[in-house]
């Protein structure tokens, strides 16, 4: 059993493109970005980052929770 590799995970990679033209606060559909975030001391990403609110949210929240790199063996 020691020589068998069980691939239970799926590596994902890609890019995120954001023009910064969407108004996150007015839409009312994305409170995670527009409303105050308790994990960042009540900061609203829309108020703090303006047009870069989405990419700032991705960097601050999603990369914090999931990590920023693909496992080296799967990157071959």
Foldseek 3Di string as FASTA:
>chain_A
DVPDDDPPDDDDDDDDDAPLPDDPQVVPPCCVQAFQDVVVVGDRLCVPPPSCSVVVSCVPPVCVVPNDDTPPVVVD
